[in-house]
Each structure stands twice: as structure tokens, then as C-alpha cells.
Amino acid sequence: MDFHVFDTYVKAKDGRTMHFDVVTDKKETEKAIAYAKEWLKTIGEENSTVTTNECRFCHT
């Protein structure tokens, strides 16, 4: 099974840039963005912008 890593940079409420990776089982950017948004909600950053500009495929 392959795993796909999406390199993600998002602006936090306090103006800092958060860097994290999203790992998926399919190379689908929309799925990675959905996972990123879901995680951001859990840390209180649900208003952060996550698009293909912030979440990009990195490697498999």
C-alpha cells in the first residue's frame, strides 16, 4: 500500500505559519484538504484557509 504526503502551510489566528503534513492512502488533493480542515477544527483553527495553494502533494 502506498501513502501520499501533502506538505501543508497554513496561517494561524495569531499570524504564525503552521507547517504540517497530511498523509492519505490516495493521491487526491481534495481528500487531503478535507483532512487538513478536519484537523484544524480540533485545534481551534477552523477559520484557516486551506486550498491547493496551502496543501500540495509532496511525495509517495
Protein backbone atom coordinates (compact mmCIF):
# COMPACT_ATOMS: atom_id res chain seq x y z
CA MET A 1 0.00 0.00 0.00
CA ASP A 2 1.26 3.47 -0.87
CA PHE A 3 0.93 6.51 1.34
CA HIS A 4 0.84 10.02 -0.09
CA VAL A 5 2.18 13.04 1.75
CA PHE A 6 0.84 16.56 1.25
CA ASP A 7 3.03 19.39 2.53
CA THR A 8 0.77 21.98 4.18
CA TYR A 9 1.40 25.55 5.33
CA VAL A 10 -1.48 27.43 6.97
CA LYS A 11 -1.72 30.84 8.66
CA ALA A 12 -2.84 30.59 12.28
CA LYS A 13 -5.11 33.09 14.07
CA ASP A 14 -2.07 34.70 15.69
CA GLY A 15 -0.39 35.25 12.31
CA ARG A 16 2.19 32.48 12.61
CA THR A 17 2.58 29.95 9.83
CA MET A 18 1.78 26.38 10.82
CA HIS A 19 3.51 23.61 8.87
CA PHE A 20 2.18 20.06 8.93
CA ASP A 21 1.88 17.06 6.65
CA VAL A 22 -1.32 15.33 5.64
CA VAL A 23 -0.95 11.62 4.86
CA THR A 24 -3.56 9.84 2.75
CA ASP A 25 -3.99 6.45 1.14
CA LYS A 26 -4.99 8.01 -2.18
CA LYS A 27 -3.29 10.76 -4.15
CA GLU A 28 -6.33 13.06 -4.00
CA THR A 29 -5.70 16.68 -3.13
CA GLU A 30 -9.35 17.31 -2.18
CA LYS A 31 -9.22 14.44 0.31
CA ALA A 32 -6.01 15.86 1.83
CA ILE A 33 -7.59 19.32 2.11
CA ALA A 34 -10.64 17.83 3.84
CA TYR A 35 -8.38 16.02 6.33
CA ALA A 36 -6.42 19.23 6.97
CA LYS A 37 -9.61 21.20 7.64
CA GLU A 38 -10.89 18.46 9.94
CA TRP A 39 -7.67 18.52 11.98
CA LEU A 40 -7.57 22.33 12.10
CA LYS A 41 -11.04 22.30 13.70
CA THR A 42 -9.72 20.10 16.52
CA ILE A 43 -7.08 22.69 17.43
CA GLY A 44 -9.36 25.73 17.16
CA GLU A 45 -8.07 26.93 13.79
CA GLU A 46 -11.21 26.17 11.75
CA ASN A 47 -11.11 29.58 10.03
CA SER A 48 -7.71 28.95 8.46
CA THR A 49 -7.62 28.90 4.67
CA VAL A 50 -6.72 25.54 3.14
CA THR A 51 -6.65 25.30 -0.64
CA THR A 52 -4.34 23.75 -3.22
CA ASN A 53 -2.04 26.71 -2.57
CA GLU A 54 -1.56 25.71 1.07
CA CYS A 55 -1.79 21.91 0.73
CA ARG A 56 0.37 20.45 -2.02
CA PHE A 57 1.35 16.92 -2.93
CA CYS A 58 4.92 16.25 -1.84
CA HIS A 59 5.77 12.55 -2.26
CA THR A 60 4.61 8.95 -2.12
